[in-house]
């Protein structure tokens, strides 16, 4: 190690390195803040469409059970 010399950086170089690190950490903090907000304010879950929901919606739209069966190709006696 006697032959190697340590490279001394100027104040400006050291400040630039620190500024880059600060910017990197600020960007990471923004990502973490966004994750925090998504945890605190989750989006509502979508309900899966079920047969019961389809029939209920059809009835609300004025269709009778006979009309629903005809659309589905089912014969009711």
C-alpha atoms as a PDB file:
ATOM      1  CA  UNK A   1       0.000   0.000   0.000  1.00  0.00           C
ATOM      2  CA  UNK A   2       2.980   2.261   0.033  1.00  0.00           C
ATOM      3  CA  UNK A   3       2.769   2.910  -3.716  1.00  0.00           C
ATOM      4  CA  UNK A   4      -0.930   3.871  -3.854  1.00  0.00           C
ATOM      5  CA  UNK A   5      -2.018   7.370  -3.160  1.00  0.00           C
ATOM      6  CA  UNK A   6      -5.473   8.322  -2.062  1.00  0.00           C
ATOM      7  CA  UNK A   7      -7.294  10.543  -4.501  1.00  0.00           C
ATOM      8  CA  UNK A   8      -8.608  13.608  -2.737  1.00  0.00           C
ATOM      9  CA  UNK A   9     -11.823  14.993  -4.097  1.00  0.00           C
ATOM     10  CA  UNK A  10     -12.633  18.656  -4.054  1.00  0.00           C
ATOM     11  CA  UNK A  11     -15.447  20.051  -1.954  1.00  0.00           C
ATOM     12  CA  UNK A  12     -17.602  20.449  -5.040  1.00  0.00           C
ATOM     13  CA  UNK A  13     -17.163  16.800  -6.033  1.00  0.00           C
ATOM     14  CA  UNK A  14     -18.020  15.600  -2.547  1.00  0.00           C
ATOM     15  CA  UNK A  15     -21.070  17.875  -2.427  1.00  0.00           C
ATOM     16  CA  UNK A  16     -22.220  16.589  -5.839  1.00  0.00           C
ATOM     17  CA  UNK A  17     -21.972  12.991  -4.615  1.00  0.00           C
ATOM     18  CA  UNK A  18     -23.995  13.827  -1.514  1.00  0.00           C
ATOM     19  CA  UNK A  19     -26.617  15.686  -3.587  1.00  0.00           C
ATOM     20  CA  UNK A  20     -27.020  12.648  -5.858  1.00  0.00           C
ATOM     21  CA  UNK A  21     -27.515  10.427  -2.813  1.00  0.00           C
ATOM     22  CA  UNK A  22     -30.098  12.836  -1.412  1.00  0.00           C
ATOM     23  CA  UNK A  23     -32.027  12.794  -4.714  1.00  0.00           C
ATOM     24  CA  UNK A  24     -31.927   8.989  -4.792  1.00  0.00           C
ATOM     25  CA  UNK A  25     -33.264   8.735  -1.254  1.00  0.00           C
ATOM     26  CA  UNK A  26     -35.982  11.321  -1.932  1.00  0.00           C
ATOM     27  CA  UNK A  27     -37.148   9.252  -4.897  1.00  0.00           C
ATOM     28  CA  UNK A  28     -37.225   6.148  -2.697  1.00  0.00           C
ATOM     29  CA  UNK A  29     -39.215   8.039  -0.064  1.00  0.00           C
ATOM     30  CA  UNK A  30     -41.791   9.065  -2.693  1.00  0.00           C
ATOM     31  CA  UNK A  31     -42.232   5.423  -3.704  1.00  0.00           C
ATOM     32  CA  UNK A  32     -42.693   4.414  -0.076  1.00  0.00           C
ATOM     33  CA  UNK A  33     -45.194   7.246   0.509  1.00  0.00           C
ATOM     34  CA  UNK A  34     -47.226   6.026  -2.475  1.00  0.00           C
ATOM     35  CA  UNK A  35     -47.211   2.485  -1.069  1.00  0.00           C
ATOM     36  CA  UNK A  36     -48.329   3.852   2.300  1.00  0.00           C
ATOM     37  CA  UNK A  37     -51.214   5.736   0.687  1.00  0.00           C
ATOM     38  CA  UNK A  38     -52.332   2.647  -1.220  1.00  0.00           C
ATOM     39  CA  UNK A  39     -52.433   0.729   2.060  1.00  0.00           C
ATOM     40  CA  UNK A  40     -54.339   3.481   3.857  1.00  0.00           C
ATOM     41  CA  UNK A  41     -56.792   4.012   0.954  1.00  0.00           C
ATOM     42  CA  UNK A  42     -57.309   0.661  -0.774  1.00  0.00           C
ATOM     43  CA  UNK A  43     -59.335   0.507  -3.955  1.00  0.00           C
ATOM     44  CA  UNK A  44     -62.683  -1.258  -3.587  1.00  0.00           C
ATOM     45  CA  UNK A  45     -62.808  -4.868  -4.643  1.00  0.00           C
ATOM     46  CA  UNK A  46     -64.791  -5.797  -7.695  1.00  0.00           C
ATOM     47  CA  UNK A  47     -67.656  -8.143  -7.093  1.00  0.00           C
ATOM     48  CA  UNK A  48     -67.621 -11.228  -9.222  1.00  0.00           C
ATOM     49  CA  UNK A  49     -70.603 -11.664 -11.478  1.00  0.00           C
ATOM     50  CA  UNK A  50     -72.776 -14.492 -10.310  1.00  0.00           C
ATOM     51  CA  UNK A  51     -75.896 -16.006 -11.818  1.00  0.00           C
ATOM     52  CA  UNK A  52     -77.922 -14.647  -8.929  1.00  0.00           C
ATOM     53  CA  UNK A  53     -76.677 -11.108  -9.644  1.00  0.00           C
ATOM     54  CA  UNK A  54     -77.514 -11.478 -13.338  1.00  0.00           C
ATOM     55  CA  UNK A  55     -81.046 -12.669 -12.641  1.00  0.00           C
ATOM     56  CA  UNK A  56     -81.593  -9.936 -10.047  1.00  0.00           C
ATOM     57  CA  UNK A  57     -80.413  -7.273 -12.498  1.00  0.00           C
ATOM     58  CA  UNK A  58     -82.622  -8.670 -15.259  1.00  0.00           C
ATOM     59  CA  UNK A  59     -85.649  -8.590 -12.951  1.00  0.00           C
ATOM     60  CA  UNK A  60     -84.833  -5.001 -11.947  1.00  0.00           C
ATOM     61  CA  UNK A  61     -84.782  -4.100 -15.634  1.00  0.00           C
ATOM     62  CA  UNK A  62     -88.334  -5.417 -15.977  1.00  0.00           C
ATOM     63  CA  UNK A  63     -87.725  -8.863 -17.412  1.00  0.00           C
ATOM     64  CA  UNK A  64     -89.902 -11.714 -16.225  1.00  0.00           C
ATOM     65  CA  UNK A  65     -88.629 -15.171 -15.365  1.00  0.00           C
ATOM     66  CA  UNK A  66     -90.163 -16.456 -18.600  1.00  0.00           C
ATOM     67  CA  UNK A  67     -88.283 -13.842 -20.673  1.00  0.00           C
ATOM     68  CA  UNK A  68     -85.014 -14.645 -18.905  1.00  0.00           C
ATOM     69  CA  UNK A  69     -85.493 -18.342 -19.612  1.00  0.00           C
ATOM     70  CA  UNK A  70     -86.257 -17.623 -23.290  1.00  0.00           C
ATOM     71  CA  UNK A  71     -83.061 -15.557 -23.635  1.00  0.00           C
ATOM     72  CA  UNK A  72     -81.075 -18.411 -22.135  1.00  0.00           C
ATOM     73  CA  UNK A  73     -82.775 -20.964 -24.364  1.00  0.00           C
ATOM     74  CA  UNK A  74     -84.435 -22.767 -21.463  1.00  0.00           C
ATOM     75  CA  UNK A  75     -88.003 -24.026 -21.727  1.00  0.00           C
ATOM     76  CA  UNK A  76     -90.127 -23.593 -18.634  1.00  0.00           C
ATOM     77  CA  UNK A  77     -93.356 -25.574 -18.341  1.00  0.00           C
END
